[in-house]
Amino acid sequence: MIDHEKQIYTLVSNALKEKFETIQTTDQKLRFYDSTYPVISLIQTDNYVLQDSRSFDDLGTNNVEQYEIEIQSQTGMDEIKAIMVSVDDAMRQLGYIRTYCGLDTQDKETKLKRLMQYQTAL
C-alpha cells in the first residue's frame, strides 16, 4: 500500500498559501481548533488496496485514497467557497476528485462557518 498523505498535505498547503496569505493549515480535526482563521484541515481518512488488483509484488496494485477536508472561516461562505475552489484545483492536479461537499452541522456550539468535503483518487 502506498501512503501519500504527507506529500498531498504539503502540496495542497503550499498551493493555498500562494493564494491566501493568512490561511492556516493543519492535519488535525477542526472541532477544537482555536487560533487564526481562515483554516483548512486535510486528513487522510481512507487508504486501501482494491482486492481485485493485488499482485505478488504489489507493483500492480491499485490503492483508493480518500481525504477529508474541513474549511473554516470567520468571514463567511464567500471566503470558504474561494478556498474550496483552490482546494479542488490543487487536488485535481494530483488526480483526486471531489466526492462530497456540505456544511458541517454537527458543531452547534460555534458560530463559525465550516464546510467539509471529501476528495478521492484511485
PDB file of N, CA and C in Angstrom:
ATOM      1  N   MET A   1       0.845  -1.174   0.000  1.00  0.00           N
ATOM      2  CA  MET A   1       0.000   0.000   0.000  1.00  0.00           C
ATOM      3  C   MET A   1       0.893   1.240   0.000  1.00  0.00           C
ATOM      4  N   ILE A   2       0.496   2.238  -0.749  1.00  0.00           N
ATOM      5  CA  ILE A   2       1.266   3.471  -0.885  1.00  0.00           C
ATOM      6  C   ILE A   2       0.621   4.548  -0.015  1.00  0.00           C
ATOM      7  N   ASP A   3       1.439   5.314   0.705  1.00  0.00           N
ATOM      8  CA  ASP A   3       0.934   6.372   1.563  1.00  0.00           C
ATOM      9  C   ASP A   3       1.451   7.715   1.059  1.00  0.00           C
ATOM     10  N   HIS A   4       0.541   8.538   0.572  1.00  0.00           N
ATOM     11  CA  HIS A   4       0.902   9.852   0.029  1.00  0.00           C
ATOM     12  C   HIS A   4       0.499  10.999   0.942  1.00  0.00           C
ATOM     13  N   GLU A   5       0.049  10.715   2.142  1.00  0.00           N
ATOM     14  CA  GLU A   5      -0.572  11.741   2.982  1.00  0.00           C
ATOM     15  C   GLU A   5       0.324  12.964   3.198  1.00  0.00           C
ATOM     16  N   LYS A   6       1.566  12.760   3.539  1.00  0.00           N
ATOM     17  CA  LYS A   6       2.456  13.896   3.810  1.00  0.00           C
ATOM     18  C   LYS A   6       2.698  14.728   2.548  1.00  0.00           C
ATOM     19  N   GLN A   7       2.911  14.054   1.401  1.00  0.00           N
ATOM     20  CA  GLN A   7       3.138  14.793   0.152  1.00  0.00           C
ATOM     21  C   GLN A   7       1.891  15.581  -0.260  1.00  0.00           C
ATOM     22  N   ILE A   8       0.720  14.968  -0.145  1.00  0.00           N
ATOM     23  CA  ILE A   8      -0.530  15.649  -0.508  1.00  0.00           C
ATOM     24  C   ILE A   8      -0.730  16.866   0.374  1.00  0.00           C
ATOM     25  N   TYR A   9      -0.541  16.686   1.685  1.00  0.00           N
ATOM     26  CA  TYR A   9      -0.717  17.785   2.635  1.00  0.00           C
ATOM     27  C   TYR A   9       0.218  18.950   2.280  1.00  0.00           C
ATOM     28  N   THR A  10       1.478  18.652   2.024  1.00  0.00           N
ATOM     29  CA  THR A  10       2.461  19.698   1.718  1.00  0.00           C
ATOM     30  C   THR A  10       2.126  20.421   0.415  1.00  0.00           C
ATOM     31  N   LEU A  11       1.794  19.671  -0.634  1.00  0.00           N
ATOM     32  CA  LEU A  11       1.492  20.285  -1.926  1.00  0.00           C
ATOM     33  C   LEU A  11       0.237  21.156  -1.869  1.00  0.00           C
ATOM     34  N   VAL A  12      -0.813  20.662  -1.242  1.00  0.00           N
ATOM     35  CA  VAL A  12      -2.062  21.441  -1.145  1.00  0.00           C
ATOM     36  C   VAL A  12      -1.841  22.656  -0.257  1.00  0.00           C
ATOM     37  N   SER A  13      -1.164  22.471   0.855  1.00  0.00           N
ATOM     38  CA  SER A  13      -0.887  23.580   1.770  1.00  0.00           C
ATOM     39  C   SER A  13      -0.103  24.692   1.071  1.00  0.00           C
ATOM     40  N   ASN A  14       0.930  24.336   0.337  1.00  0.00           N
ATOM     41  CA  ASN A  14       1.735  25.336  -0.382  1.00  0.00           C
ATOM     42  C   ASN A  14       0.914  26.050  -1.451  1.00  0.00           C
ATOM     43  N   ALA A  15       0.076  25.313  -2.179  1.00  0.00           N
ATOM     44  CA  ALA A  15      -0.761  25.928  -3.212  1.00  0.00           C
ATOM     45  C   ALA A  15      -1.738  26.931  -2.593  1.00  0.00           C
ATOM     46  N   LEU A  16      -2.309  26.596  -1.445  1.00  0.00           N
ATOM     47  CA  LEU A  16      -3.253  27.505  -0.792  1.00  0.00           C
ATOM     48  C   LEU A  16      -2.564  28.744  -0.245  1.00  0.00           C
ATOM     49  N   LYS A  17      -1.368  28.580   0.297  1.00  0.00           N
ATOM     50  CA  LYS A  17      -0.650  29.724   0.872  1.00  0.00           C
ATOM     51  C   LYS A  17      -0.193  30.714  -0.199  1.00  0.00           C
ATOM     52  N   GLU A  18      -0.065  30.250  -1.445  1.00  0.00           N
ATOM     53  CA  GLU A  18       0.243  31.165  -2.544  1.00  0.00           C
ATOM     54  C   GLU A  18      -0.927  32.095  -2.834  1.00  0.00           C
ATOM     55  N   LYS A  19      -2.149  31.622  -2.644  1.00  0.00           N
ATOM     56  CA  LYS A  19      -3.350  32.410  -2.965  1.00  0.00           C
ATOM     57  C   LYS A  19      -3.946  33.128  -1.762  1.00  0.00           C
ATOM     58  N   PHE A  20      -3.788  32.548  -0.577  1.00  0.00           N
ATOM     59  CA  PHE A  20      -4.388  33.097   0.644  1.00  0.00           C
ATOM     60  C   PHE A  20      -3.273  33.264   1.687  1.00  0.00           C
ATOM     61  N   GLU A  21      -2.778  34.490   1.817  1.00  0.00           N
ATOM     62  CA  GLU A  21      -1.611  34.742   2.663  1.00  0.00           C
ATOM     63  C   GLU A  21      -1.825  34.361   4.123  1.00  0.00           C
ATOM     64  N   THR A  22      -3.020  34.557   4.641  1.00  0.00           N
ATOM     65  CA  THR A  22      -3.258  34.347   6.073  1.00  0.00           C
ATOM     66  C   THR A  22      -3.817  32.967   6.410  1.00  0.00           C
ATOM     67  N   ILE A  23      -3.957  32.088   5.418  1.00  0.00           N
ATOM     68  CA  ILE A  23      -4.570  30.788   5.681  1.00  0.00           C
ATOM     69  C   ILE A  23      -3.660  29.918   6.550  1.00  0.00           C
ATOM     70  N   GLN A  24      -4.278  29.212   7.463  1.00  0.00           N
ATOM     71  CA  GLN A  24      -3.585  28.244   8.303  1.00  0.00           C
ATOM     72  C   GLN A  24      -3.966  26.849   7.815  1.00  0.00           C
ATOM     73  N   THR A  25      -3.043  25.913   7.902  1.00  0.00           N
ATOM     74  CA  THR A  25      -3.337  24.532   7.526  1.00  0.00           C
ATOM     75  C   THR A  25      -2.970  23.626   8.699  1.00  0.00           C
ATOM     76  N   THR A  26      -3.731  22.552   8.845  1.00  0.00           N
ATOM     77  CA  THR A  26      -3.470  21.595   9.908  1.00  0.00           C
ATOM     78  C   THR A  26      -3.832  20.191   9.433  1.00  0.00           C
ATOM     79  N   ASP A  27      -3.233  19.212  10.065  1.00  0.00           N
ATOM     80  CA  ASP A  27      -3.579  17.824   9.771  1.00  0.00           C
ATOM     81  C   ASP A  27      -4.388  17.232  10.932  1.00  0.00           C
ATOM     82  N   GLN A  28      -5.075  18.104  11.666  1.00  0.00           N
ATOM     83  CA  GLN A  28      -5.933  17.715  12.783  1.00  0.00           C
ATOM     84  C   GLN A  28      -7.367  18.162  12.518  1.00  0.00           C
ATOM     85  N   LYS A  29      -8.329  17.504  13.155  1.00  0.00           N
ATOM     86  CA  LYS A  29      -9.736  17.893  13.021  1.00  0.00           C
ATOM     87  C   LYS A  29      -9.919  19.311  13.556  1.00  0.00           C
ATOM     88  N   LEU A  30     -10.873  20.048  12.973  1.00  0.00           N
ATOM     89  CA  LEU A  30     -11.096  21.433  13.373  1.00  0.00           C
ATOM     90  C   LEU A  30     -12.063  21.595  14.541  1.00  0.00           C
ATOM     91  N   ARG A  31     -12.644  20.538  14.997  1.00  0.00           N
ATOM     92  CA  ARG A  31     -13.661  20.641  16.043  1.00  0.00           C
ATOM     93  C   ARG A  31     -13.193  21.459  17.239  1.00  0.00           C
ATOM     94  N   PHE A  32     -11.934  21.309  17.640  1.00  0.00           N
ATOM     95  CA  PHE A  32     -11.429  22.012  18.804  1.00  0.00           C
ATOM     96  C   PHE A  32     -10.348  23.030  18.441  1.00  0.00           C
ATOM     97  N   TYR A  33     -10.304  23.412  17.179  1.00  0.00           N
ATOM     98  CA  TYR A  33      -9.297  24.371  16.709  1.00  0.00           C
ATOM     99  C   TYR A  33      -9.646  25.763  17.237  1.00  0.00           C
ATOM    100  N   ASP A  34      -8.666  26.452  17.788  1.00  0.00           N
ATOM    101  CA  ASP A  34      -8.896  27.798  18.312  1.00  0.00           C
ATOM    102  C   ASP A  34      -7.651  28.625  18.050  1.00  0.00           C
ATOM    103  N   SER A  35      -7.584  29.212  16.878  1.00  0.00           N
ATOM    104  CA  SER A  35      -6.428  30.015  16.509  1.00  0.00           C
ATOM    105  C   SER A  35      -6.875  31.037  15.476  1.00  0.00           C
ATOM    106  N   THR A  36      -6.048  31.296  14.472  1.00  0.00           N
ATOM    107  CA  THR A  36      -6.402  32.287  13.469  1.00  0.00           C
ATOM    108  C   THR A  36      -7.158  31.634  12.308  1.00  0.00           C
ATOM    109  N   TYR A  37      -7.928  32.438  11.608  1.00  0.00           N
ATOM    110  CA  TYR A  37      -8.761  31.971  10.504  1.00  0.00           C
ATOM    111  C   TYR A  37      -8.451  32.803   9.279  1.00  0.00           C
ATOM    112  N   PRO A  38      -8.670  32.284   8.082  1.00  0.00           N
ATOM    113  CA  PRO A  38      -9.264  31.002   7.731  1.00  0.00           C
ATOM    114  C   PRO A  38      -8.290  29.856   7.995  1.00  0.00           C
ATOM    115  N   VAL A  39      -8.875  28.669   8.120  1.00  0.00           N
ATOM    116  CA  VAL A  39      -8.073  27.482   8.387  1.00  0.00           C
ATOM    117  C   VAL A  39      -8.630  26.313   7.582  1.00  0.00           C
ATOM    118  N   ILE A  40      -7.742  25.440   7.168  1.00  0.00           N
ATOM    119  CA  ILE A  40      -8.148  24.227   6.449  1.00  0.00           C
ATOM    120  C   ILE A  40      -7.485  23.025   7.120  1.00  0.00           C
ATOM    121  N   SER A  41      -8.266  21.977   7.265  1.00  0.00           N
ATOM    122  CA  SER A  41      -7.781  20.712   7.797  1.00  0.00           C
ATOM    123  C   SER A  41      -7.783  19.703   6.651  1.00  0.00           C
ATOM    124  N   LEU A  42      -6.689  18.990   6.493  1.00  0.00           N
ATOM    125  CA  LEU A  42      -6.553  17.983   5.432  1.00  0.00           C
ATOM    126  C   LEU A  42      -6.090  16.683   6.075  1.00  0.00           C
ATOM    127  N   ILE A  43      -6.995  15.683   6.107  1.00  0.00           N
ATOM    128  CA  ILE A  43      -6.726  14.429   6.799  1.00  0.00           C
ATOM    129  C   ILE A  43      -7.047  13.258   5.870  1.00  0.00           C
ATOM    130  N   GLN A  44      -6.140  12.306   5.788  1.00  0.00           N
ATOM    131  CA  GLN A  44      -6.425  11.095   5.022  1.00  0.00           C
ATOM    132  C   GLN A  44      -7.346  10.207   5.866  1.00  0.00           C
ATOM    133  N   THR A  45      -8.507   9.863   5.320  1.00  0.00           N
ATOM    134  CA  THR A  45      -9.478   9.056   6.065  1.00  0.00           C
ATOM    135  C   THR A  45      -9.528   7.616   5.584  1.00  0.00           C
ATOM    136  N   ASP A  46      -9.093   7.358   4.361  1.00  0.00           N
ATOM    137  CA  ASP A  46      -9.093   6.001   3.812  1.00  0.00           C
ATOM    138  C   ASP A  46      -7.880   5.810   2.925  1.00  0.00           C
ATOM    139  N   ASN A  47      -7.316   4.620   2.983  1.00  0.00           N
ATOM    140  CA  ASN A  47      -6.232   4.229   2.093  1.00  0.00           C
ATOM    141  C   ASN A  47      -6.228   2.709   2.075  1.00  0.00           C
ATOM    142  N   TYR A  48      -6.736   2.138   1.004  1.00  0.00           N
ATOM    143  CA  TYR A  48      -6.807   0.683   0.936  1.00  0.00           C
ATOM    144  C   TYR A  48      -6.535   0.205  -0.481  1.00  0.00           C
ATOM    145  N   VAL A  49      -6.127  -1.057  -0.570  1.00  0.00           N
ATOM    146  CA  VAL A  49      -5.818  -1.694  -1.846  1.00  0.00           C
ATOM    147  C   VAL A  49      -7.081  -2.371  -2.358  1.00  0.00           C
ATOM    148  N   LEU A  50      -7.390  -2.160  -3.635  1.00  0.00           N
ATOM    149  CA  LEU A  50      -8.508  -2.873  -4.243  1.00  0.00           C
ATOM    150  C   LEU A  50      -8.164  -4.350  -4.333  1.00  0.00           C
ATOM    151  N   GLN A  51      -9.010  -5.177  -3.800  1.00  0.00           N
ATOM    152  CA  GLN A  51      -8.762  -6.626  -3.722  1.00  0.00           C
ATOM    153  C   GLN A  51      -8.449  -7.229  -5.095  1.00  0.00           C
ATOM    154  N   ASP A  52      -9.200  -6.844  -6.118  1.00  0.00           N
ATOM    155  CA  ASP A  52      -9.028  -7.431  -7.447  1.00  0.00           C
ATOM    156  C   ASP A  52      -7.740  -7.006  -8.144  1.00  0.00           C
ATOM    157  N   SER A  53      -7.069  -5.990  -7.617  1.00  0.00           N
ATOM    158  CA  SER A  53      -5.862  -5.503  -8.290  1.00  0.00           C
ATOM    159  C   SER A  53      -4.577  -5.984  -7.624  1.00  0.00           C
ATOM    160  N   ARG A  54      -4.678  -6.801  -6.606  1.00  0.00           N
ATOM    161  CA  ARG A  54      -3.491  -7.262  -5.883  1.00  0.00           C
ATOM    162  C   ARG A  54      -2.619  -8.154  -6.756  1.00  0.00           C
ATOM    163  N   SER A  55      -1.305  -7.997  -6.565  1.00  0.00           N
ATOM    164  CA  SER A  55      -0.341  -8.834  -7.281  1.00  0.00           C
ATOM    165  C   SER A  55       0.705  -9.333  -6.285  1.00  0.00           C
ATOM    166  N   PHE A  56       1.545 -10.258  -6.737  1.00  0.00           N
ATOM    167  CA  PHE A  56       2.553 -10.822  -5.838  1.00  0.00           C
ATOM    168  C   PHE A  56       3.563  -9.785  -5.362  1.00  0.00           C
ATOM    169  N   ASP A  57       3.953  -8.882  -6.251  1.00  0.00           N
ATOM    170  CA  ASP A  57       4.990  -7.919  -5.892  1.00  0.00           C
ATOM    171  C   ASP A  57       4.432  -6.556  -5.477  1.00  0.00           C
ATOM    172  N   ASP A  58       3.122  -6.396  -5.443  1.00  0.00           N
ATOM    173  CA  ASP A  58       2.451  -5.145  -5.065  1.00  0.00           C
ATOM    174  C   ASP A  58       2.735  -3.984  -6.019  1.00  0.00           C
ATOM    175  N   LEU A  59       3.435  -4.221  -7.128  1.00  0.00           N
ATOM    176  CA  LEU A  59       3.692  -3.156  -8.083  1.00  0.00           C
ATOM    177  C   LEU A  59       2.469  -2.879  -8.957  1.00  0.00           C
ATOM    178  N   GLY A  60       1.614  -3.864  -9.106  1.00  0.00           N
ATOM    179  CA  GLY A  60       0.451  -3.697  -9.969  1.00  0.00           C
ATOM    180  C   GLY A  60      -0.834  -3.419  -9.214  1.00  0.00           C
ATOM    181  N   THR A  61      -0.729  -3.102  -7.927  1.00  0.00           N
ATOM    182  CA  THR A  61      -1.938  -2.873  -7.138  1.00  0.00           C
ATOM    183  C   THR A  61      -2.481  -1.468  -7.334  1.00  0.00           C
ATOM    184  N   ASN A  62      -3.779  -1.331  -7.106  1.00  0.00           N
ATOM    185  CA  ASN A  62      -4.438  -0.030  -7.155  1.00  0.00           C
ATOM    186  C   ASN A  62      -4.924   0.330  -5.755  1.00  0.00           C
ATOM    187  N   ASN A  63      -4.525   1.490  -5.290  1.00  0.00           N
ATOM    188  CA  ASN A  63      -4.961   1.992  -3.998  1.00  0.00           C
ATOM    189  C   ASN A  63      -6.108   2.976  -4.186  1.00  0.00           C
ATOM    190  N   VAL A  64      -6.997   3.031  -3.208  1.00  0.00           N
ATOM    191  CA  VAL A  64      -8.013   4.080  -3.138  1.00  0.00           C
ATOM    192  C   VAL A  64      -7.653   4.931  -1.931  1.00  0.00           C
ATOM    193  N   GLU A  65      -7.494   6.211  -2.148  1.00  0.00           N
ATOM    194  CA  GLU A  65      -7.183   7.145  -1.070  1.00  0.00           C
ATOM    195  C   GLU A  65      -8.297   8.173  -0.977  1.00  0.00           C
ATOM    196  N   GLN A  66      -8.705   8.484   0.249  1.00  0.00           N
ATOM    197  CA  GLN A  66      -9.731   9.497   0.461  1.00  0.00           C
ATOM    198  C   GLN A  66      -9.256  10.475   1.530  1.00  0.00           C
ATOM    199  N   TYR A  67      -9.506  11.743   1.285  1.00  0.00           N
ATOM    200  CA  TYR A  67      -9.131  12.805   2.211  1.00  0.00           C
ATOM    201  C   TYR A  67     -10.375  13.554   2.658  1.00  0.00           C
ATOM    202  N   GLU A  68     -10.418  13.875   3.946  1.00  0.00           N
ATOM    203  CA  GLU A  68     -11.457  14.740   4.491  1.00  0.00           C
ATOM    204  C   GLU A  68     -10.857  16.125   4.618  1.00  0.00           C
ATOM    205  N   ILE A  69     -11.561  17.097   4.085  1.00  0.00           N
ATOM    206  CA  ILE A  69     -11.079  18.471   4.097  1.00  0.00           C
ATOM    207  C   ILE A  69     -12.130  19.324   4.785  1.00  0.00           C
ATOM    208  N   GLU A  70     -11.713  20.049   5.814  1.00  0.00           N
ATOM    209  CA  GLU A  70     -12.592  20.986   6.501  1.00  0.00           C
ATOM    210  C   GLU A  70     -12.045  22.385   6.262  1.00  0.00           C
ATOM    211  N   ILE A  71     -12.922  23.314   5.953  1.00  0.00           N
ATOM    212  CA  ILE A  71     -12.534  24.702   5.736  1.00  0.00           C
ATOM    213  C   ILE A  71     -13.374  25.536   6.690  1.00  0.00           C
ATOM    214  N   GLN A  72     -12.714  26.387   7.468  1.00  0.00           N
ATOM    215  CA  GLN A  72     -13.428  27.186   8.458  1.00  0.00           C
ATOM    216  C   GLN A  72     -12.998  28.643   8.342  1.00  0.00           C
ATOM    217  N   SER A  73     -13.968  29.547   8.504  1.00  0.00           N
ATOM    218  CA  SER A  73     -13.703  30.970   8.339  1.00  0.00           C
ATOM    219  C   SER A  73     -14.550  31.786   9.303  1.00  0.00           C
ATOM    220  N   GLN A  74     -14.019  32.936   9.682  1.00  0.00           N
ATOM    221  CA  GLN A  74     -14.799  33.884  10.478  1.00  0.00           C
ATOM    222  C   GLN A  74     -15.589  34.830   9.589  1.00  0.00           C
ATOM    223  N   THR A  75     -15.149  35.008   8.349  1.00  0.00           N
ATOM    224  CA  THR A  75     -15.793  35.999   7.488  1.00  0.00           C
ATOM    225  C   THR A  75     -16.990  35.459   6.728  1.00  0.00           C
ATOM    226  N   GLY A  76     -17.074  34.154   6.518  1.00  0.00           N
ATOM    227  CA  GLY A  76     -18.278  33.619   5.902  1.00  0.00           C
ATOM    228  C   GLY A  76     -18.036  32.714   4.714  1.00  0.00           C
ATOM    229  N   MET A  77     -19.147  32.419   4.047  1.00  0.00           N
ATOM    230  CA  MET A  77     -19.152  31.412   2.990  1.00  0.00           C
ATOM    231  C   MET A  77     -18.418  31.847   1.720  1.00  0.00           C
ATOM    232  N   ASP A  78     -18.368  33.136   1.422  1.00  0.00           N
ATOM    233  CA  ASP A  78     -17.657  33.560   0.214  1.00  0.00           C
ATOM    234  C   ASP A  78     -16.178  33.185   0.292  1.00  0.00           C
ATOM    235  N   GLU A  79     -15.569  33.423   1.440  1.00  0.00           N
ATOM    236  CA  GLU A  79     -14.164  33.053   1.620  1.00  0.00           C
ATOM    237  C   GLU A  79     -13.997  31.537   1.587  1.00  0.00           C
ATOM    238  N   ILE A  80     -14.901  30.820   2.234  1.00  0.00           N
ATOM    239  CA  ILE A  80     -14.835  29.360   2.251  1.00  0.00           C
ATOM    240  C   ILE A  80     -14.944  28.801   0.838  1.00  0.00           C
ATOM    241  N   LYS A  81     -15.864  29.328   0.044  1.00  0.00           N
ATOM    242  CA  LYS A  81     -16.038  28.833  -1.325  1.00  0.00           C
ATOM    243  C   LYS A  81     -14.817  29.126  -2.193  1.00  0.00           C
ATOM    244  N   ALA A  82     -14.190  30.289  -1.992  1.00  0.00           N
ATOM    245  CA  ALA A  82     -12.974  30.607  -2.747  1.00  0.00           C
ATOM    246  C   ALA A  82     -11.860  29.630  -2.391  1.00  0.00           C
ATOM    247  N   ILE A  83     -11.726  29.306  -1.122  1.00  0.00           N
ATOM    248  CA  ILE A  83     -10.722  28.335  -0.688  1.00  0.00           C
ATOM    249  C   ILE A  83     -11.060  26.960  -1.254  1.00  0.00           C
ATOM    250  N   MET A  84     -12.348  26.606  -1.238  1.00  0.00           N
ATOM    251  CA  MET A  84     -12.789  25.308  -1.754  1.00  0.00           C
ATOM    252  C   MET A  84     -12.404  25.132  -3.225  1.00  0.00           C
ATOM    253  N   VAL A  85     -12.577  26.175  -4.016  1.00  0.00           N
ATOM    254  CA  VAL A  85     -12.215  26.112  -5.434  1.00  0.00           C
ATOM    255  C   VAL A  85     -10.710  25.868  -5.581  1.00  0.00           C
ATOM    256  N   SER A  86      -9.916  26.524  -4.755  1.00  0.00           N
ATOM    257  CA  SER A  86      -8.464  26.324  -4.808  1.00  0.00           C
ATOM    258  C   SER A  86      -8.070  24.915  -4.369  1.00  0.00           C
ATOM    259  N   VAL A  87      -8.760  24.381  -3.361  1.00  0.00           N
ATOM    260  CA  VAL A  87      -8.508  23.004  -2.935  1.00  0.00           C
ATOM    261  C   VAL A  87      -8.849  22.050  -4.074  1.00  0.00           C
ATOM    262  N   ASP A  88     -10.008  22.266  -4.703  1.00  0.00           N
ATOM    263  CA  ASP A  88     -10.407  21.427  -5.841  1.00  0.00           C
ATOM    264  C   ASP A  88      -9.348  21.447  -6.936  1.00  0.00           C
ATOM    265  N   ASP A  89      -8.848  22.633  -7.271  1.00  0.00           N
ATOM    266  CA  ASP A  89      -7.833  22.759  -8.323  1.00  0.00           C
ATOM    267  C   ASP A  89      -6.559  21.995  -7.955  1.00  0.00           C
ATOM    268  N   ALA A  90      -6.087  22.185  -6.719  1.00  0.00           N
ATOM    269  CA  ALA A  90      -4.854  21.524  -6.290  1.00  0.00           C
ATOM    270  C   ALA A  90      -5.025  20.006  -6.256  1.00  0.00           C
ATOM    271  N   MET A  91      -6.144  19.539  -5.728  1.00  0.00           N
ATOM    272  CA  MET A  91      -6.372  18.094  -5.634  1.00  0.00           C
ATOM    273  C   MET A  91      -6.589  17.476  -7.013  1.00  0.00           C
ATOM    274  N   ARG A  92      -7.265  18.182  -7.908  1.00  0.00           N
ATOM    275  CA  ARG A  92      -7.497  17.674  -9.263  1.00  0.00           C
ATOM    276  C   ARG A  92      -6.169  17.470  -9.985  1.00  0.00           C
ATOM    277  N   GLN A  93      -5.227  18.381  -9.786  1.00  0.00           N
ATOM    278  CA  GLN A  93      -3.911  18.240 -10.415  1.00  0.00           C
ATOM    279  C   GLN A  93      -3.173  17.006  -9.908  1.00  0.00           C
ATOM    280  N   LEU A  94      -3.548  16.541  -8.725  1.00  0.00           N
ATOM    281  CA  LEU A  94      -2.925  15.353  -8.137  1.00  0.00           C
ATOM    282  C   LEU A  94      -3.710  14.082  -8.414  1.00  0.00           C
ATOM    283  N   GLY A  95      -4.817  14.214  -9.176  1.00  0.00           N
ATOM    284  CA  GLY A  95      -5.587  13.044  -9.575  1.00  0.00           C
ATOM    285  C   GLY A  95      -6.797  12.742  -8.708  1.00  0.00           C
ATOM    286  N   TYR A  96      -7.189  13.656  -7.849  1.00  0.00           N
ATOM    287  CA  TYR A  96      -8.327  13.448  -6.953  1.00  0.00           C
ATOM    288  C   TYR A  96      -9.563  14.159  -7.490  1.00  0.00           C
ATOM    289  N   ILE A  97     -10.729  13.655  -7.124  1.00  0.00           N
ATOM    290  CA  ILE A  97     -11.986  14.320  -7.463  1.00  0.00           C
ATOM    291  C   ILE A  97     -12.799  14.509  -6.187  1.00  0.00           C
ATOM    292  N   ARG A  98     -13.586  15.578  -6.164  1.00  0.00           N
ATOM    293  CA  ARG A  98     -14.447  15.818  -5.010  1.00  0.00           C
ATOM    294  C   ARG A  98     -15.623  14.861  -5.072  1.00  0.00           C
ATOM    295  N   THR A  99     -15.844  14.116  -4.000  1.00  0.00           N
ATOM    296  CA  THR A  99     -16.938  13.148  -3.959  1.00  0.00           C
ATOM    297  C   THR A  99     -18.024  13.554  -2.978  1.00  0.00           C
ATOM    298  N   TYR A 100     -17.805  14.601  -2.194  1.00  0.00           N
ATOM    299  CA  TYR A 100     -18.813  15.098  -1.260  1.00  0.00           C
ATOM    300  C   TYR A 100     -18.456  16.521  -0.881  1.00  0.00           C
ATOM    301  N   CYS A 101     -19.477  17.341  -0.651  1.00  0.00           N
ATOM    302  CA  CYS A 101     -19.271  18.691  -0.152  1.00  0.00           C
ATOM    303  C   CYS A 101     -20.529  19.118   0.584  1.00  0.00           C
ATOM    304  N   GLY A 102     -20.393  19.666   1.777  1.00  0.00           N
ATOM    305  CA  GLY A 102     -21.553  20.140   2.519  1.00  0.00           C
ATOM    306  C   GLY A 102     -21.157  20.849   3.790  1.00  0.00           C
ATOM    307  N   LEU A 103     -22.105  21.596   4.354  1.00  0.00           N
ATOM    308  CA  LEU A 103     -21.864  22.278   5.619  1.00  0.00           C
ATOM    309  C   LEU A 103     -21.754  21.268   6.742  1.00  0.00           C
ATOM    310  N   ASP A 104     -20.842  21.525   7.661  1.00  0.00           N
ATOM    311  CA  ASP A 104     -20.720  20.675   8.844  1.00  0.00           C
ATOM    312  C   ASP A 104     -21.745  21.165   9.858  1.00  0.00           C
ATOM    313  N   THR A 105     -22.759  20.380  10.089  1.00  0.00           N
ATOM    314  CA  THR A 105     -23.836  20.793  11.003  1.00  0.00           C
ATOM    315  C   THR A 105     -23.732  20.094  12.347  1.00  0.00           C
ATOM    316  N   GLN A 106     -22.663  19.354  12.591  1.00  0.00           N
ATOM    317  CA  GLN A 106     -22.533  18.632  13.849  1.00  0.00           C
ATOM    318  C   GLN A 106     -22.144  19.542  15.013  1.00  0.00           C
ATOM    319  N   ASP A 107     -21.460  20.639  14.737  1.00  0.00           N
ATOM    320  CA  ASP A 107     -20.955  21.502  15.802  1.00  0.00           C
ATOM    321  C   ASP A 107     -21.867  22.702  15.967  1.00  0.00           C
ATOM    322  N   LYS A 108     -22.769  22.644  16.924  1.00  0.00           N
ATOM    323  CA  LYS A 108     -23.744  23.718  17.142  1.00  0.00           C
ATOM    324  C   LYS A 108     -23.202  24.805  18.071  1.00  0.00           C
ATOM    325  N   GLU A 109     -22.071  24.549  18.747  1.00  0.00           N
ATOM    326  CA  GLU A 109     -21.564  25.486  19.736  1.00  0.00           C
ATOM    327  C   GLU A 109     -20.819  26.666  19.122  1.00  0.00           C
ATOM    328  N   THR A 110     -20.273  26.506  17.949  1.00  0.00           N
ATOM    329  CA  THR A 110     -19.500  27.581  17.339  1.00  0.00           C
ATOM    330  C   THR A 110     -20.349  28.354  16.336  1.00  0.00           C
ATOM    331  N   LYS A 111     -20.051  29.621  16.218  1.00  0.00           N
ATOM    332  CA  LYS A 111     -20.761  30.460  15.252  1.00  0.00           C
ATOM    333  C   LYS A 111     -19.986  30.541  13.933  1.00  0.00           C
ATOM    334  N   LEU A 112     -18.853  29.869  13.877  1.00  0.00           N
ATOM    335  CA  LEU A 112     -18.025  29.881  12.673  1.00  0.00           C
ATOM    336  C   LEU A 112     -18.652  29.003  11.601  1.00  0.00           C
ATOM    337  N   LYS A 113     -18.501  29.410  10.360  1.00  0.00           N
ATOM    338  CA  LYS A 113     -18.953  28.604   9.234  1.00  0.00           C
ATOM    339  C   LYS A 113     -17.887  27.573   8.907  1.00  0.00           C
ATOM    340  N   ARG A 114     -18.324  26.335   8.697  1.00  0.00           N
ATOM    341  CA  ARG A 114     -17.368  25.280   8.367  1.00  0.00           C
ATOM    342  C   ARG A 114     -17.959  24.415   7.265  1.00  0.00           C
ATOM    343  N   LEU A 115     -17.161  24.167   6.244  1.00  0.00           N
ATOM    344  CA  LEU A 115     -17.561  23.345   5.119  1.00  0.00           C
ATOM    345  C   LEU A 115     -16.673  22.109   5.102  1.00  0.00           C
ATOM    346  N   MET A 116     -17.270  20.968   4.807  1.00  0.00           N
ATOM    347  CA  MET A 116     -16.499  19.736   4.692  1.00  0.00           C
ATOM    348  C   MET A 116     -16.599  19.214   3.267  1.00  0.00           C
ATOM    349  N   GLN A 117     -15.546  18.604   2.802  1.00  0.00           N
ATOM    350  CA  GLN A 117     -15.583  17.938   1.515  1.00  0.00           C
ATOM    351  C   GLN A 117     -14.664  16.727   1.565  1.00  0.00           C
ATOM    352  N   TYR A 118     -14.932  15.799   0.657  1.00  0.00           N
ATOM    353  CA  TYR A 118     -14.085  14.615   0.521  1.00  0.00           C
ATOM    354  C   TYR A 118     -13.530  14.586  -0.892  1.00  0.00           C
ATOM    355  N   GLN A 119     -12.262  14.202  -1.004  1.00  0.00           N
ATOM    356  CA  GLN A 119     -11.579  14.049  -2.285  1.00  0.00           C
ATOM    357  C   GLN A 119     -11.095  12.603  -2.355  1.00  0.00           C
ATOM    358  N   THR A 120     -11.319  11.951  -3.483  1.00  0.00           N
ATOM    359  CA  THR A 120     -10.959  10.551  -3.627  1.00  0.00           C
ATOM    360  C   THR A 120     -10.163  10.332  -4.914  1.00  0.00           C
ATOM    361  N   ALA A 121      -9.206   9.416  -4.837  1.00  0.00           N
ATOM    362  CA  ALA A 121      -8.416   9.058  -6.033  1.00  0.00           C
ATOM    363  C   ALA A 121      -8.159   7.569  -6.028  1.00  0.00           C
ATOM    364  N   LEU A 122      -7.988   7.031  -7.218  1.00  0.00           N
ATOM    365  CA  LEU A 122      -7.637   5.626  -7.399  1.00  0.00           C
ATOM    366  C   LEU A 122      -6.195   5.553  -7.817  1.00  0.00           C
TER     367      LEU A 122
END
